[in-house]
Amino acid sequence: MLFRLLAAPVAGPLGGIAWVARQITQMVEEQNFDPKRIEAALLALERRLEAGEIDEAAFEAAEAELLEELHLIRARQQAKAGAA
């Protein structure tokens, strides 16, 4: 009890910093693992192909990477939903 009282001036701000860090981490994970981000990238990639900015081979390579990332994101989401 005495230790908690004496440590309060340090532990209080550290607890707040830890909470902020957890919130930031959660937001970054939500953004990185958002399938909408990949879907938007796929649309942008298709537009670049149609505009002639990239050739078919570059499109297929980039598309394969994005689809693999989308697959991993969806698998992660399903695993998280199954664990909950």
PDB file of N, CA and C in Angstrom:
ATOM      1  N   MET A   1       0.826  -1.186   0.000  1.00  0.00           N
ATOM      2  CA  MET A   1       0.000   0.000   0.000  1.00  0.00           C
ATOM      3  C   MET A   1       0.872   1.252   0.000  1.00  0.00           C
ATOM      4  N   LEU A   2       1.874   1.277   0.856  1.00  0.00           N
ATOM      5  CA  LEU A   2       2.768   2.425   0.925  1.00  0.00           C
ATOM      6  C   LEU A   2       3.527   2.592  -0.383  1.00  0.00           C
ATOM      7  N   PHE A   3       3.943   1.475  -0.954  1.00  0.00           N
ATOM      8  CA  PHE A   3       4.671   1.538  -2.223  1.00  0.00           C
ATOM      9  C   PHE A   3       3.800   2.133  -3.316  1.00  0.00           C
ATOM     10  N   ARG A   4       2.526   1.716  -3.391  1.00  0.00           N
ATOM     11  CA  ARG A   4       1.608   2.259  -4.395  1.00  0.00           C
ATOM     12  C   ARG A   4       1.443   3.761  -4.220  1.00  0.00           C
ATOM     13  N   LEU A   5       1.355   4.193  -2.982  1.00  0.00           N
ATOM     14  CA  LEU A   5       1.195   5.613  -2.694  1.00  0.00           C
ATOM     15  C   LEU A   5       2.438   6.394  -3.121  1.00  0.00           C
ATOM     16  N   LEU A   6       3.603   5.861  -2.803  1.00  0.00           N
ATOM     17  CA  LEU A   6       4.845   6.542  -3.159  1.00  0.00           C
ATOM     18  C   LEU A   6       5.124   6.474  -4.659  1.00  0.00           C
ATOM     19  N   ALA A   7       4.701   5.407  -5.314  1.00  0.00           N
ATOM     20  CA  ALA A   7       4.956   5.235  -6.740  1.00  0.00           C
ATOM     21  C   ALA A   7       3.913   5.929  -7.606  1.00  0.00           C
ATOM     22  N   ALA A   8       2.839   6.411  -7.033  1.00  0.00           N
ATOM     23  CA  ALA A   8       1.750   7.018  -7.806  1.00  0.00           C
ATOM     24  C   ALA A   8       2.200   8.158  -8.713  1.00  0.00           C
ATOM     25  N   PRO A   9       3.076   9.059  -8.272  1.00  0.00           N
ATOM     26  CA  PRO A   9       3.477  10.141  -9.176  1.00  0.00           C
ATOM     27  C   PRO A   9       4.197   9.644 -10.433  1.00  0.00           C
ATOM     28  N   VAL A  10       4.824   8.488 -10.342  1.00  0.00           N
ATOM     29  CA  VAL A  10       5.513   7.930 -11.510  1.00  0.00           C
ATOM     30  C   VAL A  10       4.606   6.955 -12.254  1.00  0.00           C
ATOM     31  N   ALA A  11       3.914   6.098 -11.519  1.00  0.00           N
ATOM     32  CA  ALA A  11       3.093   5.057 -12.123  1.00  0.00           C
ATOM     33  C   ALA A  11       1.894   5.640 -12.876  1.00  0.00           C
ATOM     34  N   GLY A  12       1.324   6.710 -12.374  1.00  0.00           N
ATOM     35  CA  GLY A  12       0.161   7.315 -13.038  1.00  0.00           C
ATOM     36  C   GLY A  12       0.479   7.758 -14.456  1.00  0.00           C
ATOM     37  N   PRO A  13       1.488   8.611 -14.648  1.00  0.00           N
ATOM     38  CA  PRO A  13       1.832   9.024 -16.009  1.00  0.00           C
ATOM     39  C   PRO A  13       2.299   7.867 -16.889  1.00  0.00           C
ATOM     40  N   LEU A  14       3.027   6.905 -16.312  1.00  0.00           N
ATOM     41  CA  LEU A  14       3.478   5.762 -17.102  1.00  0.00           C
ATOM     42  C   LEU A  14       2.301   4.920 -17.558  1.00  0.00           C
ATOM     43  N   GLY A  15       1.315   4.776 -16.702  1.00  0.00           N
ATOM     44  CA  GLY A  15       0.107   4.046 -17.097  1.00  0.00           C
ATOM     45  C   GLY A  15      -0.607   4.749 -18.239  1.00  0.00           C
ATOM     46  N   GLY A  16      -0.649   6.064 -18.194  1.00  0.00           N
ATOM     47  CA  GLY A  16      -1.264   6.851 -19.267  1.00  0.00           C
ATOM     48  C   GLY A  16      -0.500   6.710 -20.573  1.00  0.00           C
ATOM     49  N   ILE A  17       0.808   6.726 -20.475  1.00  0.00           N
ATOM     50  CA  ILE A  17       1.643   6.559 -21.673  1.00  0.00           C
ATOM     51  C   ILE A  17       1.436   5.168 -22.266  1.00  0.00           C
ATOM     52  N   ALA A  18       1.366   4.167 -21.423  1.00  0.00           N
ATOM     53  CA  ALA A  18       1.135   2.794 -21.894  1.00  0.00           C
ATOM     54  C   ALA A  18      -0.222   2.691 -22.579  1.00  0.00           C
ATOM     55  N   TRP A  19      -1.239   3.341 -22.025  1.00  0.00           N
ATOM     56  CA  TRP A  19      -2.563   3.314 -22.628  1.00  0.00           C
ATOM     57  C   TRP A  19      -2.535   3.975 -24.004  1.00  0.00           C
ATOM     58  N   VAL A  20      -1.884   5.125 -24.107  1.00  0.00           N
ATOM     59  CA  VAL A  20      -1.778   5.823 -25.398  1.00  0.00           C
ATOM     60  C   VAL A  20      -1.041   4.942 -26.404  1.00  0.00           C
ATOM     61  N   ALA A  21       0.027   4.294 -25.966  1.00  0.00           N
ATOM     62  CA  ALA A  21       0.781   3.409 -26.858  1.00  0.00           C
ATOM     63  C   ALA A  21      -0.089   2.258 -27.351  1.00  0.00           C
ATOM     64  N   ARG A  22      -0.901   1.688 -26.476  1.00  0.00           N
ATOM     65  CA  ARG A  22      -1.801   0.598 -26.890  1.00  0.00           C
ATOM     66  C   ARG A  22      -2.831   1.102 -27.900  1.00  0.00           C
ATOM     67  N   GLN A  23      -3.351   2.293 -27.676  1.00  0.00           N
ATOM     68  CA  GLN A  23      -4.335   2.859 -28.599  1.00  0.00           C
ATOM     69  C   GLN A  23      -3.722   3.104 -29.973  1.00  0.00           C
ATOM     70  N   ILE A  24      -2.514   3.642 -29.994  1.00  0.00           N
ATOM     71  CA  ILE A  24      -1.828   3.894 -31.269  1.00  0.00           C
ATOM     72  C   ILE A  24      -1.553   2.588 -31.986  1.00  0.00           C
ATOM     73  N   THR A  25      -1.088   1.591 -31.252  1.00  0.00           N
ATOM     74  CA  THR A  25      -0.823   0.287 -31.848  1.00  0.00           C
ATOM     75  C   THR A  25      -2.090  -0.302 -32.444  1.00  0.00           C
ATOM     76  N   GLN A  26      -3.182  -0.190 -31.734  1.00  0.00           N
ATOM     77  CA  GLN A  26      -4.460  -0.717 -32.224  1.00  0.00           C
ATOM     78  C   GLN A  26      -4.885   0.008 -33.503  1.00  0.00           C
ATOM     79  N   MET A  27      -4.745   1.320 -33.544  1.00  0.00           N
ATOM     80  CA  MET A  27      -5.126   2.082 -34.729  1.00  0.00           C
ATOM     81  C   MET A  27      -4.264   1.712 -35.933  1.00  0.00           C
ATOM     82  N   VAL A  28      -2.968   1.568 -35.706  1.00  0.00           N
ATOM     83  CA  VAL A  28      -2.058   1.203 -36.796  1.00  0.00           C
ATOM     84  C   VAL A  28      -2.403  -0.186 -37.323  1.00  0.00           C
ATOM     85  N   GLU A  29      -2.673  -1.123 -36.424  1.00  0.00           N
ATOM     86  CA  GLU A  29      -3.057  -2.470 -36.855  1.00  0.00           C
ATOM     87  C   GLU A  29      -4.356  -2.452 -37.640  1.00  0.00           C
ATOM     88  N   GLU A  30      -5.313  -1.669 -37.189  1.00  0.00           N
ATOM     89  CA  GLU A  30      -6.588  -1.585 -37.902  1.00  0.00           C
ATOM     90  C   GLU A  30      -6.388  -1.037 -39.312  1.00  0.00           C
ATOM     91  N   GLN A  31      -5.520  -0.043 -39.452  1.00  0.00           N
ATOM     92  CA  GLN A  31      -5.257   0.528 -40.767  1.00  0.00           C
ATOM     93  C   GLN A  31      -4.473  -0.439 -41.646  1.00  0.00           C
ATOM     94  N   ASN A  32      -3.461  -1.083 -41.089  1.00  0.00           N
ATOM     95  CA  ASN A  32      -2.639  -2.000 -41.874  1.00  0.00           C
ATOM     96  C   ASN A  32      -3.397  -3.246 -42.284  1.00  0.00           C
ATOM     97  N   PHE A  33      -4.318  -3.689 -41.459  1.00  0.00           N
ATOM     98  CA  PHE A  33      -5.051  -4.920 -41.720  1.00  0.00           C
ATOM     99  C   PHE A  33      -6.475  -4.641 -42.185  1.00  0.00           C
ATOM    100  N   ASP A  34      -6.682  -3.514 -42.835  1.00  0.00           N
ATOM    101  CA  ASP A  34      -7.988  -3.159 -43.368  1.00  0.00           C
ATOM    102  C   ASP A  34      -8.078  -3.630 -44.819  1.00  0.00           C
ATOM    103  N   PRO A  35      -8.988  -4.546 -45.132  1.00  0.00           N
ATOM    104  CA  PRO A  35      -9.088  -5.027 -46.511  1.00  0.00           C
ATOM    105  C   PRO A  35      -9.452  -3.925 -47.510  1.00  0.00           C
ATOM    106  N   LYS A  36     -10.102  -2.884 -47.039  1.00  0.00           N
ATOM    107  CA  LYS A  36     -10.462  -1.784 -47.938  1.00  0.00           C
ATOM    108  C   LYS A  36      -9.223  -1.101 -48.508  1.00  0.00           C
ATOM    109  N   ARG A  37      -8.143  -1.075 -47.733  1.00  0.00           N
ATOM    110  CA  ARG A  37      -6.894  -0.480 -48.217  1.00  0.00           C
ATOM    111  C   ARG A  37      -6.366  -1.269 -49.408  1.00  0.00           C
ATOM    112  N   ILE A  38      -6.422  -2.590 -49.328  1.00  0.00           N
ATOM    113  CA  ILE A  38      -5.944  -3.439 -50.415  1.00  0.00           C
ATOM    114  C   ILE A  38      -6.876  -3.333 -51.618  1.00  0.00           C
ATOM    115  N   GLU A  39      -8.168  -3.310 -51.364  1.00  0.00           N
ATOM    116  CA  GLU A  39      -9.131  -3.185 -52.455  1.00  0.00           C
ATOM    117  C   GLU A  39      -8.926  -1.870 -53.207  1.00  0.00           C
ATOM    118  N   ALA A  40      -8.658  -0.793 -52.485  1.00  0.00           N
ATOM    119  CA  ALA A  40      -8.387   0.499 -53.127  1.00  0.00           C
ATOM    120  C   ALA A  40      -7.097   0.434 -53.940  1.00  0.00           C
ATOM    121  N   ALA A  41      -6.098  -0.248 -53.414  1.00  0.00           N
ATOM    122  CA  ALA A  41      -4.831  -0.391 -54.144  1.00  0.00           C
ATOM    123  C   ALA A  41      -5.032  -1.207 -55.418  1.00  0.00           C
ATOM    124  N   LEU A  42      -5.885  -2.218 -55.351  1.00  0.00           N
ATOM    125  CA  LEU A  42      -6.175  -3.013 -56.551  1.00  0.00           C
ATOM    126  C   LEU A  42      -6.871  -2.165 -57.612  1.00  0.00           C
ATOM    127  N   LEU A  43      -7.813  -1.330 -57.191  1.00  0.00           N
ATOM    128  CA  LEU A  43      -8.488  -0.442 -58.145  1.00  0.00           C
ATOM    129  C   LEU A  43      -7.514   0.551 -58.763  1.00  0.00           C
ATOM    130  N   ALA A  44      -6.641   1.105 -57.942  1.00  0.00           N
ATOM    131  CA  ALA A  44      -5.647   2.050 -58.456  1.00  0.00           C
ATOM    132  C   ALA A  44      -4.702   1.358 -59.436  1.00  0.00           C
ATOM    133  N   LEU A  45      -4.346   0.130 -59.134  1.00  0.00           N
ATOM    134  CA  LEU A  45      -3.473  -0.634 -60.017  1.00  0.00           C
ATOM    135  C   LEU A  45      -4.153  -0.882 -61.362  1.00  0.00           C
ATOM    136  N   GLU A  46      -5.445  -1.220 -61.310  1.00  0.00           N
ATOM    137  CA  GLU A  46      -6.190  -1.443 -62.547  1.00  0.00           C
ATOM    138  C   GLU A  46      -6.276  -0.166 -63.378  1.00  0.00           C
ATOM    139  N   ARG A  47      -6.471   0.958 -62.713  1.00  0.00           N
ATOM    140  CA  ARG A  47      -6.510   2.248 -63.430  1.00  0.00           C
ATOM    141  C   ARG A  47      -5.170   2.541 -64.107  1.00  0.00           C
ATOM    142  N   ARG A  48      -4.071   2.220 -63.407  1.00  0.00           N
ATOM    143  CA  ARG A  48      -2.742   2.440 -63.999  1.00  0.00           C
ATOM    144  C   ARG A  48      -2.545   1.569 -65.235  1.00  0.00           C
ATOM    145  N   LEU A  49      -3.053   0.339 -65.190  1.00  0.00           N
ATOM    146  CA  LEU A  49      -2.960  -0.549 -66.348  1.00  0.00           C
ATOM    147  C   LEU A  49      -3.767   0.018 -67.510  1.00  0.00           C
ATOM    148  N   GLU A  50      -4.993   0.429 -67.227  1.00  0.00           N
ATOM    149  CA  GLU A  50      -5.865   0.981 -68.267  1.00  0.00           C
ATOM    150  C   GLU A  50      -5.307   2.270 -68.848  1.00  0.00           C
ATOM    151  N   ALA A  51      -4.598   3.054 -68.035  1.00  0.00           N
ATOM    152  CA  ALA A  51      -4.014   4.311 -68.508  1.00  0.00           C
ATOM    153  C   ALA A  51      -2.700   4.086 -69.254  1.00  0.00           C
ATOM    154  N   GLY A  52      -2.215   2.860 -69.236  1.00  0.00           N
ATOM    155  CA  GLY A  52      -0.970   2.562 -69.936  1.00  0.00           C
ATOM    156  C   GLY A  52       0.275   2.904 -69.146  1.00  0.00           C
ATOM    157  N   GLU A  53       0.123   3.163 -67.870  1.00  0.00           N
ATOM    158  CA  GLU A  53       1.276   3.506 -67.031  1.00  0.00           C
ATOM    159  C   GLU A  53       2.130   2.284 -66.718  1.00  0.00           C
ATOM    160  N   ILE A  54       1.488   1.108 -66.691  1.00  0.00           N
ATOM    161  CA  ILE A  54       2.210  -0.139 -66.431  1.00  0.00           C
ATOM    162  C   ILE A  54       1.776  -1.166 -67.474  1.00  0.00           C
ATOM    163  N   ASP A  55       2.630  -2.150 -67.694  1.00  0.00           N
ATOM    164  CA  ASP A  55       2.266  -3.206 -68.643  1.00  0.00           C
ATOM    165  C   ASP A  55       1.579  -4.361 -67.918  1.00  0.00           C
ATOM    166  N   GLU A  56       1.126  -5.324 -68.696  1.00  0.00           N
ATOM    167  CA  GLU A  56       0.370  -6.450 -68.142  1.00  0.00           C
ATOM    168  C   GLU A  56       1.194  -7.260 -67.141  1.00  0.00           C
ATOM    169  N   ALA A  57       2.471  -7.448 -67.427  1.00  0.00           N
ATOM    170  CA  ALA A  57       3.323  -8.243 -66.527  1.00  0.00           C
ATOM    171  C   ALA A  57       3.474  -7.554 -65.169  1.00  0.00           C
ATOM    172  N   ALA A  58       3.701  -6.249 -65.182  1.00  0.00           N
ATOM    173  CA  ALA A  58       3.837  -5.500 -63.927  1.00  0.00           C
ATOM    174  C   ALA A  58       2.514  -5.520 -63.158  1.00  0.00           C
ATOM    175  N   PHE A  59       1.410  -5.407 -63.904  1.00  0.00           N
ATOM    176  CA  PHE A  59       0.092  -5.463 -63.269  1.00  0.00           C
ATOM    177  C   PHE A  59      -0.118  -6.796 -62.574  1.00  0.00           C
ATOM    178  N   GLU A  60       0.172  -7.886 -63.294  1.00  0.00           N
ATOM    179  CA  GLU A  60      -0.058  -9.220 -62.724  1.00  0.00           C
ATOM    180  C   GLU A  60       0.821  -9.474 -61.499  1.00  0.00           C
ATOM    181  N   ALA A  61       2.058  -9.003 -61.545  1.00  0.00           N
ATOM    182  CA  ALA A  61       2.953  -9.198 -60.395  1.00  0.00           C
ATOM    183  C   ALA A  61       2.449  -8.422 -59.178  1.00  0.00           C
ATOM    184  N   ALA A  62       2.089  -7.154 -59.388  1.00  0.00           N
ATOM    185  CA  ALA A  62       1.602  -6.327 -58.283  1.00  0.00           C
ATOM    186  C   ALA A  62       0.261  -6.846 -57.782  1.00  0.00           C
ATOM    187  N   GLU A  63      -0.596  -7.289 -58.699  1.00  0.00           N
ATOM    188  CA  GLU A  63      -1.896  -7.816 -58.316  1.00  0.00           C
ATOM    189  C   GLU A  63      -1.730  -9.070 -57.457  1.00  0.00           C
ATOM    190  N   ALA A  64      -0.811  -9.935 -57.842  1.00  0.00           N
ATOM    191  CA  ALA A  64      -0.580 -11.164 -57.071  1.00  0.00           C
ATOM    192  C   ALA A  64      -0.145 -10.833 -55.641  1.00  0.00           C
ATOM    193  N   GLU A  65       0.733  -9.851 -55.488  1.00  0.00           N
ATOM    194  CA  GLU A  65       1.181  -9.440 -54.145  1.00  0.00           C
ATOM    195  C   GLU A  65       0.012  -8.905 -53.317  1.00  0.00           C
ATOM    196  N   LEU A  66      -0.790  -8.049 -53.940  1.00  0.00           N
ATOM    197  CA  LEU A  66      -1.922  -7.456 -53.227  1.00  0.00           C
ATOM    198  C   LEU A  66      -2.960  -8.512 -52.851  1.00  0.00           C
ATOM    199  N   LEU A  67      -3.224  -9.446 -53.766  1.00  0.00           N
ATOM    200  CA  LEU A  67      -4.191 -10.495 -53.464  1.00  0.00           C
ATOM    201  C   LEU A  67      -3.687 -11.410 -52.351  1.00  0.00           C
ATOM    202  N   GLU A  68      -2.394 -11.670 -52.327  1.00  0.00           N
ATOM    203  CA  GLU A  68      -1.826 -12.480 -51.242  1.00  0.00           C
ATOM    204  C   GLU A  68      -1.974 -11.748 -49.907  1.00  0.00           C
ATOM    205  N   GLU A  69      -1.696 -10.444 -49.917  1.00  0.00           N
ATOM    206  CA  GLU A  69      -1.848  -9.653 -48.690  1.00  0.00           C
ATOM    207  C   GLU A  69      -3.308  -9.628 -48.242  1.00  0.00           C
ATOM    208  N   LEU A  70      -4.217  -9.499 -49.198  1.00  0.00           N
ATOM    209  CA  LEU A  70      -5.645  -9.508 -48.870  1.00  0.00           C
ATOM    210  C   LEU A  70      -6.048 -10.854 -48.277  1.00  0.00           C
ATOM    211  N   HIS A  71      -5.527 -11.928 -48.837  1.00  0.00           N
ATOM    212  CA  HIS A  71      -5.806 -13.267 -48.308  1.00  0.00           C
ATOM    213  C   HIS A  71      -5.315 -13.389 -46.862  1.00  0.00           C
ATOM    214  N   LEU A  72      -4.115 -12.890 -46.585  1.00  0.00           N
ATOM    215  CA  LEU A  72      -3.564 -12.947 -45.232  1.00  0.00           C
ATOM    216  C   LEU A  72      -4.392 -12.118 -44.250  1.00  0.00           C
ATOM    217  N   ILE A  73      -4.842 -10.957 -44.692  1.00  0.00           N
ATOM    218  CA  ILE A  73      -5.662 -10.099 -43.840  1.00  0.00           C
ATOM    219  C   ILE A  73      -6.972 -10.792 -43.492  1.00  0.00           C
ATOM    220  N   ARG A  74      -7.599 -11.379 -44.499  1.00  0.00           N
ATOM    221  CA  ARG A  74      -8.879 -12.040 -44.249  1.00  0.00           C
ATOM    222  C   ARG A  74      -8.704 -13.274 -43.361  1.00  0.00           C
ATOM    223  N   ALA A  75      -7.609 -14.001 -43.560  1.00  0.00           N
ATOM    224  CA  ALA A  75      -7.334 -15.157 -42.697  1.00  0.00           C
ATOM    225  C   ALA A  75      -7.108 -14.701 -41.260  1.00  0.00           C
ATOM    226  N   ARG A  76      -6.401 -13.590 -41.085  1.00  0.00           N
ATOM    227  CA  ARG A  76      -6.177 -13.040 -39.746  1.00  0.00           C
ATOM    228  C   ARG A  76      -7.486 -12.635 -39.088  1.00  0.00           C
ATOM    229  N   GLN A  77      -8.357 -12.001 -39.871  1.00  0.00           N
ATOM    230  CA  GLN A  77      -9.659 -11.588 -39.344  1.00  0.00           C
ATOM    231  C   GLN A  77     -10.508 -12.786 -38.935  1.00  0.00           C
ATOM    232  N   GLN A  78     -10.470 -13.842 -39.739  1.00  0.00           N
ATOM    233  CA  GLN A  78     -11.236 -15.049 -39.404  1.00  0.00           C
ATOM    234  C   GLN A  78     -10.673 -15.709 -38.145  1.00  0.00           C
ATOM    235  N   ALA A  79      -9.354 -15.733 -38.035  1.00  0.00           N
ATOM    236  CA  ALA A  79      -8.731 -16.317 -36.840  1.00  0.00           C
ATOM    237  C   ALA A  79      -9.104 -15.510 -35.602  1.00  0.00           C
ATOM    238  N   LYS A  80      -9.100 -14.191 -35.738  1.00  0.00           N
ATOM    239  CA  LYS A  80      -9.474 -13.332 -34.614  1.00  0.00           C
ATOM    240  C   LYS A  80     -10.931 -13.548 -34.228  1.00  0.00           C
ATOM    241  N   ALA A  81     -11.795 -13.680 -35.232  1.00  0.00           N
ATOM    242  CA  ALA A  81     -13.227 -13.888 -34.968  1.00  0.00           C
ATOM    243  C   ALA A  81     -13.447 -15.251 -34.318  1.00  0.00           C
ATOM    244  N   GLY A  82     -12.669 -16.249 -34.725  1.00  0.00           N
ATOM    245  CA  GLY A  82     -12.793 -17.572 -34.134  1.00  0.00           C
ATOM    246  C   GLY A  82     -12.305 -17.621 -32.704  1.00  0.00           C
ATOM    247  N   ALA A  83     -11.324 -16.784 -32.396  1.00  0.00           N
ATOM    248  CA  ALA A  83     -10.759 -16.763 -31.035  1.00  0.00           C
ATOM    249  C   ALA A  83     -11.657 -15.991 -30.068  1.00  0.00           C
ATOM    250  N   ALA A  84     -12.489 -15.123 -30.597  1.00  0.00           N
ATOM    251  CA  ALA A  84     -13.337 -14.292 -29.734  1.00  0.00           C
ATOM    252  C   ALA A  84     -14.545 -15.001 -29.219  1.00  0.00           C
TER     253      ALA A  84
END
